[in-house]
Amino acid sequence: MKTQKTILFLVIAFIVSAITVNSTAKPLHNETATFKVYGNCGMCKNRIESSLKGINGVTNADWDVKTKALTVTYNPHVISLDDIHKKVASVGHDTDKIKADDKTYEALMGCCQYERKK
């Protein structure tokens, strides 16, 4: 009888703790952000968008050649917007927050080398 009460108490305690943990968890949702990424052509578009393909937390990336705007849909609980900027800059394209490494930028094809801000 004492064992049954102990087991029942443990089951109830487990259920209560599971409910408490679930009620305090952050909801998972996607956000969309748009920011400037510098580049010139279709190869730039492919490189910029490909830099985010397969990245955990990023569900879509679309760069507009004319406006230089990257629109990205991502889960902020999985990846930060700053990390997305860093990922794009890592392939040679400056963003409005992060400057690409000079060596990586200089390795881009000539048509992809945009005018950099000082």
N, C-alpha and C. Protein backbone atom coordinates (compact mmCIF):
# COMPACT_ATOMS: atom_id res chain seq x y z
N MET A 1 0.82 -1.19 0.00
CA MET A 1 0.00 0.00 0.00
C MET A 1 0.88 1.27 0.00
N LYS A 2 1.93 1.25 0.82
CA LYS A 2 2.82 2.39 0.89
C LYS A 2 3.54 2.57 -0.45
N THR A 3 3.90 1.48 -1.11
CA THR A 3 4.57 1.53 -2.41
C THR A 3 3.65 2.13 -3.46
N GLN A 4 2.38 1.77 -3.43
CA GLN A 4 1.41 2.30 -4.39
C GLN A 4 1.24 3.81 -4.22
N LYS A 5 1.22 4.28 -2.98
CA LYS A 5 1.09 5.71 -2.73
C LYS A 5 2.33 6.45 -3.23
N THR A 6 3.50 5.86 -3.03
CA THR A 6 4.75 6.48 -3.48
C THR A 6 4.76 6.58 -5.00
N ILE A 7 4.36 5.51 -5.68
CA ILE A 7 4.32 5.52 -7.15
C ILE A 7 3.32 6.55 -7.64
N LEU A 8 2.15 6.60 -7.04
CA LEU A 8 1.13 7.57 -7.43
C LEU A 8 1.64 9.00 -7.23
N PHE A 9 2.31 9.26 -6.12
CA PHE A 9 2.89 10.57 -5.85
C PHE A 9 3.91 10.94 -6.93
N LEU A 10 4.77 10.01 -7.29
CA LEU A 10 5.80 10.27 -8.31
C LEU A 10 5.17 10.54 -9.68
N VAL A 11 4.14 9.81 -10.02
CA VAL A 11 3.46 10.03 -11.30
C VAL A 11 2.83 11.42 -11.32
N ILE A 12 2.17 11.80 -10.26
CA ILE A 12 1.54 13.13 -10.19
C ILE A 12 2.60 14.23 -10.25
N ALA A 13 3.70 14.05 -9.55
CA ALA A 13 4.78 15.04 -9.56
C ALA A 13 5.37 15.17 -10.97
N PHE A 14 5.53 14.06 -11.66
CA PHE A 14 6.04 14.08 -13.03
C PHE A 14 5.10 14.83 -13.96
N ILE A 15 3.81 14.58 -13.86
CA ILE A 15 2.82 15.25 -14.71
C ILE A 15 2.80 16.75 -14.45
N VAL A 16 2.84 17.14 -13.20
CA VAL A 16 2.84 18.56 -12.85
C VAL A 16 4.09 19.24 -13.38
N SER A 17 5.25 18.60 -13.25
CA SER A 17 6.48 19.22 -13.75
C SER A 17 6.48 19.30 -15.26
N ALA A 18 5.93 18.32 -15.96
CA ALA A 18 5.86 18.36 -17.42
C ALA A 18 4.95 19.49 -17.88
N ILE A 19 3.86 19.70 -17.21
CA ILE A 19 2.94 20.78 -17.57
C ILE A 19 3.62 22.13 -17.34
N THR A 20 4.34 22.27 -16.24
CA THR A 20 5.03 23.52 -15.92
C THR A 20 6.09 23.83 -16.96
N VAL A 21 6.88 22.85 -17.36
CA VAL A 21 7.93 23.06 -18.35
C VAL A 21 7.32 23.47 -19.69
N ASN A 22 6.26 22.81 -20.12
CA ASN A 22 5.63 23.14 -21.39
C ASN A 22 5.02 24.53 -21.39
N SER A 23 4.51 24.98 -20.28
CA SER A 23 3.86 26.29 -20.24
C SER A 23 4.87 27.43 -20.25
N THR A 24 6.13 27.17 -19.89
CA THR A 24 7.14 28.23 -19.88
C THR A 24 8.04 28.19 -21.10
N ALA A 25 7.92 27.19 -21.97
CA ALA A 25 8.76 27.10 -23.17
C ALA A 25 8.39 28.21 -24.14
N LYS A 26 9.41 28.74 -24.84
CA LYS A 26 9.17 29.78 -25.83
C LYS A 26 8.54 29.14 -27.06
N PRO A 27 7.54 29.79 -27.62
CA PRO A 27 6.93 29.23 -28.82
C PRO A 27 7.89 29.33 -30.01
N LEU A 28 7.89 28.32 -30.84
CA LEU A 28 8.73 28.34 -32.02
C LEU A 28 7.94 28.97 -33.16
N HIS A 29 8.51 29.99 -33.77
CA HIS A 29 7.85 30.67 -34.87
C HIS A 29 8.90 31.27 -35.79
N ASN A 30 8.50 31.57 -36.99
CA ASN A 30 9.41 32.18 -37.95
C ASN A 30 9.18 33.68 -38.00
N GLU A 31 10.25 34.40 -38.30
CA GLU A 31 10.19 35.83 -38.53
C GLU A 31 10.79 36.11 -39.90
N THR A 32 10.42 37.22 -40.48
CA THR A 32 10.99 37.63 -41.75
C THR A 32 11.68 38.97 -41.56
N ALA A 33 12.90 39.06 -42.08
CA ALA A 33 13.67 40.30 -41.99
C ALA A 33 14.23 40.63 -43.37
N THR A 34 14.39 41.91 -43.63
CA THR A 34 14.98 42.36 -44.88
C THR A 34 16.11 43.32 -44.55
N PHE A 35 17.25 43.09 -45.18
CA PHE A 35 18.40 43.97 -44.97
C PHE A 35 19.25 44.03 -46.22
N LYS A 36 20.12 45.04 -46.28
CA LYS A 36 20.96 45.29 -47.45
C LYS A 36 22.14 44.34 -47.47
N VAL A 37 22.36 43.75 -48.67
CA VAL A 37 23.54 42.92 -48.93
C VAL A 37 24.10 43.39 -50.27
N TYR A 38 25.39 43.69 -50.29
CA TYR A 38 25.98 44.25 -51.50
C TYR A 38 26.46 43.16 -52.45
N GLY A 39 26.18 43.39 -53.73
CA GLY A 39 26.55 42.48 -54.79
C GLY A 39 26.09 43.10 -56.10
N ASN A 40 26.33 42.39 -57.22
CA ASN A 40 26.03 42.98 -58.52
C ASN A 40 25.17 42.15 -59.46
N CYS A 41 25.30 40.85 -59.41
CA CYS A 41 24.78 40.06 -60.53
C CYS A 41 24.09 38.77 -60.08
N GLY A 42 23.73 37.98 -61.07
CA GLY A 42 23.08 36.70 -60.80
C GLY A 42 23.97 35.73 -60.05
N MET A 43 25.28 35.78 -60.31
CA MET A 43 26.18 34.91 -59.54
C MET A 43 26.19 35.32 -58.08
N CYS A 44 26.14 36.62 -57.83
CA CYS A 44 26.06 37.11 -56.44
C CYS A 44 24.78 36.58 -55.79
N LYS A 45 23.67 36.69 -56.52
CA LYS A 45 22.39 36.22 -56.01
C LYS A 45 22.49 34.75 -55.59
N ASN A 46 23.04 33.94 -56.47
CA ASN A 46 23.19 32.52 -56.18
C ASN A 46 24.08 32.28 -54.95
N ARG A 47 25.20 33.00 -54.87
CA ARG A 47 26.14 32.84 -53.75
C ARG A 47 25.51 33.27 -52.42
N ILE A 48 24.82 34.41 -52.43
CA ILE A 48 24.20 34.94 -51.21
C ILE A 48 23.11 34.00 -50.72
N GLU A 49 22.22 33.61 -51.62
CA GLU A 49 21.13 32.72 -51.22
C GLU A 49 21.65 31.34 -50.81
N SER A 50 22.65 30.84 -51.53
CA SER A 50 23.21 29.52 -51.21
C SER A 50 23.92 29.50 -49.86
N SER A 51 24.43 30.66 -49.44
CA SER A 51 25.13 30.71 -48.15
C SER A 51 24.18 30.41 -46.99
N LEU A 52 22.87 30.54 -47.23
CA LEU A 52 21.89 30.32 -46.18
C LEU A 52 21.09 29.04 -46.36
N LYS A 53 21.25 28.38 -47.52
CA LYS A 53 20.53 27.12 -47.75
C LYS A 53 21.08 26.03 -46.85
N GLY A 54 20.19 25.30 -46.24
CA GLY A 54 20.61 24.20 -45.37
C GLY A 54 21.04 24.65 -43.98
N ILE A 55 20.98 25.93 -43.70
CA ILE A 55 21.33 26.43 -42.37
C ILE A 55 20.15 26.20 -41.45
N ASN A 56 20.40 25.54 -40.33
CA ASN A 56 19.34 25.25 -39.36
C ASN A 56 18.69 26.54 -38.90
N GLY A 57 17.39 26.62 -39.04
CA GLY A 57 16.64 27.80 -38.61
C GLY A 57 16.27 28.74 -39.73
N VAL A 58 16.91 28.61 -40.90
CA VAL A 58 16.60 29.47 -42.04
C VAL A 58 15.70 28.68 -42.98
N THR A 59 14.52 29.23 -43.28
CA THR A 59 13.59 28.52 -44.16
C THR A 59 13.53 29.10 -45.56
N ASN A 60 13.93 30.37 -45.73
CA ASN A 60 13.89 30.97 -47.07
C ASN A 60 14.83 32.17 -47.11
N ALA A 61 15.47 32.36 -48.27
CA ALA A 61 16.32 33.52 -48.49
C ALA A 61 16.18 33.95 -49.94
N ASP A 62 15.90 35.23 -50.16
CA ASP A 62 15.75 35.75 -51.52
C ASP A 62 16.42 37.12 -51.60
N TRP A 63 17.43 37.23 -52.49
CA TRP A 63 18.16 38.48 -52.67
C TRP A 63 17.74 39.12 -53.98
N ASP A 64 17.39 40.40 -53.95
CA ASP A 64 16.98 41.14 -55.14
C ASP A 64 18.19 41.90 -55.70
N VAL A 65 18.56 41.58 -56.94
CA VAL A 65 19.73 42.17 -57.58
C VAL A 65 19.61 43.69 -57.68
N LYS A 66 18.42 44.19 -58.02
CA LYS A 66 18.23 45.64 -58.22
C LYS A 66 18.27 46.42 -56.92
N THR A 67 17.54 45.96 -55.92
CA THR A 67 17.43 46.72 -54.67
C THR A 67 18.52 46.37 -53.67
N LYS A 68 19.23 45.27 -53.90
CA LYS A 68 20.27 44.76 -52.99
C LYS A 68 19.70 44.34 -51.63
N ALA A 69 18.41 44.02 -51.62
CA ALA A 69 17.73 43.65 -50.38
C ALA A 69 17.62 42.13 -50.27
N LEU A 70 18.06 41.60 -49.15
CA LEU A 70 17.91 40.18 -48.84
C LEU A 70 16.73 40.05 -47.88
N THR A 71 15.76 39.24 -48.29
CA THR A 71 14.63 38.93 -47.42
C THR A 71 14.82 37.49 -46.96
N VAL A 72 14.88 37.32 -45.66
CA VAL A 72 15.15 36.00 -45.09
C VAL A 72 14.07 35.66 -44.06
N THR A 73 13.60 34.42 -44.13
CA THR A 73 12.65 33.91 -43.15
C THR A 73 13.41 32.92 -42.28
N TYR A 74 13.33 33.11 -40.97
CA TYR A 74 14.13 32.31 -40.04
C TYR A 74 13.43 32.16 -38.70
N ASN A 75 13.90 31.21 -37.93
CA ASN A 75 13.38 31.00 -36.58
C ASN A 75 14.38 31.63 -35.59
N PRO A 76 14.01 32.71 -34.93
CA PRO A 76 14.93 33.41 -34.04
C PRO A 76 15.31 32.60 -32.79
N HIS A 77 14.60 31.50 -32.53
CA HIS A 77 14.96 30.65 -31.39
C HIS A 77 16.03 29.65 -31.78
N VAL A 78 16.34 29.58 -33.09
CA VAL A 78 17.34 28.65 -33.58
C VAL A 78 18.59 29.38 -34.08
N ILE A 79 18.39 30.51 -34.77
CA ILE A 79 19.51 31.29 -35.31
C ILE A 79 19.20 32.78 -35.15
N SER A 80 20.21 33.55 -34.84
CA SER A 80 20.01 34.99 -34.66
C SER A 80 20.19 35.72 -35.99
N LEU A 81 19.62 36.88 -36.08
CA LEU A 81 19.78 37.70 -37.28
C LEU A 81 21.25 38.08 -37.47
N ASP A 82 21.97 38.32 -36.38
CA ASP A 82 23.41 38.62 -36.47
C ASP A 82 24.17 37.45 -37.09
N ASP A 83 23.81 36.23 -36.72
CA ASP A 83 24.48 35.06 -37.30
C ASP A 83 24.18 34.93 -38.80
N ILE A 84 23.00 35.35 -39.21
CA ILE A 84 22.65 35.33 -40.63
C ILE A 84 23.52 36.35 -41.37
N HIS A 85 23.68 37.54 -40.81
CA HIS A 85 24.58 38.55 -41.40
C HIS A 85 25.99 37.99 -41.54
N LYS A 86 26.48 37.33 -40.50
CA LYS A 86 27.84 36.76 -40.52
C LYS A 86 27.98 35.69 -41.59
N LYS A 87 26.95 34.87 -41.75
CA LYS A 87 26.98 33.80 -42.74
C LYS A 87 27.09 34.38 -44.14
N VAL A 88 26.32 35.43 -44.43
CA VAL A 88 26.37 36.07 -45.75
C VAL A 88 27.74 36.72 -45.96
N ALA A 89 28.24 37.41 -44.96
CA ALA A 89 29.54 38.07 -45.07
C ALA A 89 30.67 37.04 -45.25
N SER A 90 30.48 35.85 -44.74
CA SER A 90 31.53 34.83 -44.85
C SER A 90 31.78 34.37 -46.29
N VAL A 91 30.84 34.67 -47.21
CA VAL A 91 31.04 34.30 -48.61
C VAL A 91 31.44 35.51 -49.46
N GLY A 92 31.77 36.64 -48.81
CA GLY A 92 32.33 37.79 -49.51
C GLY A 92 31.42 38.96 -49.74
N HIS A 93 30.23 38.95 -49.18
CA HIS A 93 29.27 40.03 -49.41
C HIS A 93 29.02 40.82 -48.13
N ASP A 94 29.31 42.13 -48.19
CA ASP A 94 29.05 43.01 -47.06
C ASP A 94 27.54 43.12 -46.85
N THR A 95 27.14 43.23 -45.60
CA THR A 95 25.75 43.53 -45.28
C THR A 95 25.73 44.92 -44.64
N ASP A 96 24.57 45.39 -44.29
CA ASP A 96 24.52 46.70 -43.64
C ASP A 96 25.03 46.65 -42.20
N LYS A 97 25.36 45.43 -41.70
CA LYS A 97 25.90 45.29 -40.33
C LYS A 97 27.31 44.73 -40.29
N ILE A 98 27.63 43.82 -41.20
CA ILE A 98 28.90 43.08 -41.15
C ILE A 98 29.65 43.26 -42.46
N LYS A 99 30.93 43.59 -42.36
CA LYS A 99 31.78 43.71 -43.54
C LYS A 99 32.47 42.36 -43.78
N ALA A 100 32.45 41.91 -45.03
CA ALA A 100 33.11 40.66 -45.39
C ALA A 100 34.63 40.82 -45.25
N ASP A 101 35.28 39.72 -45.00
CA ASP A 101 36.74 39.69 -44.93
C ASP A 101 37.31 40.15 -46.28
N ASP A 102 38.34 41.01 -46.25
CA ASP A 102 38.92 41.55 -47.48
C ASP A 102 39.40 40.45 -48.42
N LYS A 103 40.04 39.44 -47.88
CA LYS A 103 40.58 38.35 -48.70
C LYS A 103 39.45 37.59 -49.40
N THR A 104 38.36 37.36 -48.71
CA THR A 104 37.22 36.66 -49.29
C THR A 104 36.57 37.52 -50.37
N TYR A 105 36.43 38.81 -50.10
CA TYR A 105 35.86 39.74 -51.09
C TYR A 105 36.72 39.76 -52.35
N GLU A 106 38.03 39.87 -52.18
CA GLU A 106 38.95 39.97 -53.32
C GLU A 106 38.98 38.69 -54.16
N ALA A 107 38.57 37.56 -53.58
CA ALA A 107 38.53 36.30 -54.31
C ALA A 107 37.27 36.17 -55.18
N LEU A 108 36.31 37.09 -55.02
CA LEU A 108 35.11 37.07 -55.86
C LEU A 108 35.49 37.38 -57.31
N MET A 109 34.70 36.86 -58.25
CA MET A 109 34.91 37.19 -59.66
C MET A 109 34.79 38.70 -59.83
N GLY A 110 35.43 39.24 -60.86
CA GLY A 110 35.44 40.68 -61.09
C GLY A 110 34.06 41.29 -61.16
N CYS A 111 33.12 40.59 -61.83
CA CYS A 111 31.77 41.15 -61.96
C CYS A 111 31.03 41.18 -60.62
N CYS A 112 31.50 40.41 -59.67
CA CYS A 112 30.85 40.34 -58.36
C CYS A 112 31.43 41.34 -57.36
N GLN A 113 32.54 41.97 -57.73
CA GLN A 113 33.16 42.92 -56.80
C GLN A 113 32.46 44.27 -56.90
N TYR A 114 31.62 44.54 -55.94
CA TYR A 114 30.83 45.75 -55.85
C TYR A 114 31.69 46.83 -55.23
N GLU A 115 31.23 48.07 -55.32
CA GLU A 115 31.95 49.19 -54.71
C GLU A 115 31.72 49.14 -53.20
N ARG A 116 32.79 48.98 -52.45
CA ARG A 116 32.68 48.85 -50.98
C ARG A 116 32.70 50.21 -50.33
N LYS A 117 31.95 50.30 -49.24
CA LYS A 117 31.97 51.52 -48.43
C LYS A 117 33.20 51.51 -47.56
N LYS A 118 33.76 52.65 -47.35
CA LYS A 118 34.97 52.77 -46.51
C LYS A 118 34.64 52.59 -45.06
